[in-house]
């Protein structure tokens, strides 16, 4: 069977640290936000120095970087946006992700050498929309999450072969149409389309009858209540052949506010799955149980295939809680390795001397290790690491040594 070209694996990064993890663990491209004009106000995002360093690091590893500027702009945004694009023209990311036509005009005028990708925020649901943006000069359009694979196939058949289709394959789903949620603005005064979404789709709701104000009637499936807008997370790791054969050029992972552990886990697993499929479908099918097991080791809200195989039904929602499944706990990234094998980390969650933990490597290996010794940056030994972001020097006993950028994690033994 002849396949389409190998799809790009596009990974989100909330910070310079996470960008480097995405690159090392197998991303083909990374998308990031600057300090303004992106849709993740609560992400740490990138200042100009971090953006320069991140782009240089990615390019040194053959990885592209795309910068989001996908707000729906108001008049007051335009002057600042122009200055921002002028600075990006000098920094030279590989593409800009835009949704607003006015921002598109500013990007074209001020960044003529940088590709423009049209964000899912533009609600791209048909091939005439794709063709419109192609004629305006866009290289790529991100499909709305509400499209089926059949609709994407039809779009591919009606647009130029050189035009690229990018589609979300993993991560949170929005209750509103491709992120155009008004609930956050209405209920909390924070505009989702300016990056300030409070995620009201995860909240618990009650009903108030018009003539009985103040009397709250619970909306319940059981005694714990119900979360009527709370969608499961998208996961297409089991459908790489269908995605590829539909003509999707870039597989996009959602999650510009996720941890390094999440990014490493998802990047590595999709990398292995794509590479296996490109070798042969038989190879991919043989390894699929491993991919499914690995992808469930990061935080998630149970999984759905979204709209790809038809409109979701009630099984795509989680009605009884709004919590994540969390099978593993993130301990830190190996920042440096001394000649004696002692590693330097910035600790993220508590662990103890004597604990059995896991070294997560970019090549797909998970190495068991025992914590033999923990020392702080003053050289004082300690029996545990209870303080977040403490710089520690750790000696591990394991079959394979750590390398820089390995991830340390531990099995979560608490009840979910």
Foldseek 3Di string as FASTA:
>chain_A
DDFFPQAFEEFEALFLLLLLLLLQLAGQEYEFEDCFQAQANPRNTDYPVSLLVSQVSNVVSNHAYEYENAFQDDPVCLVVLLVVLLSCLVSDGQEYEYAYVSSVVSNCVRNVPHAYEYELVNAAQALVSVQVVVVVRHQEYEHWLQDALVRLLVSCVRHDVRRAYEYEAWWADFLDGSQCDPVQCVPPVAHSSRNGRPPLLQDAAFDDDPVRPPDTHFQAPDPQGWRVRAFWIGHCLVPVRSCRRSRHRYHYYDDNRDDSVLSSQVSNLSSVLSVQVVVHVVSNVVCSVVSVVSNLQAKTRDYDNDDHPHHDDPVRGGIRHSGIDHFKAFFFFFADADPVLWTKTFGAAKDFQQDWKWWQRSVGDIWIKGWHWKAFPVGHTDGMDHDGRGIITTDIDTPDGDDGGITIMHTDPDDD
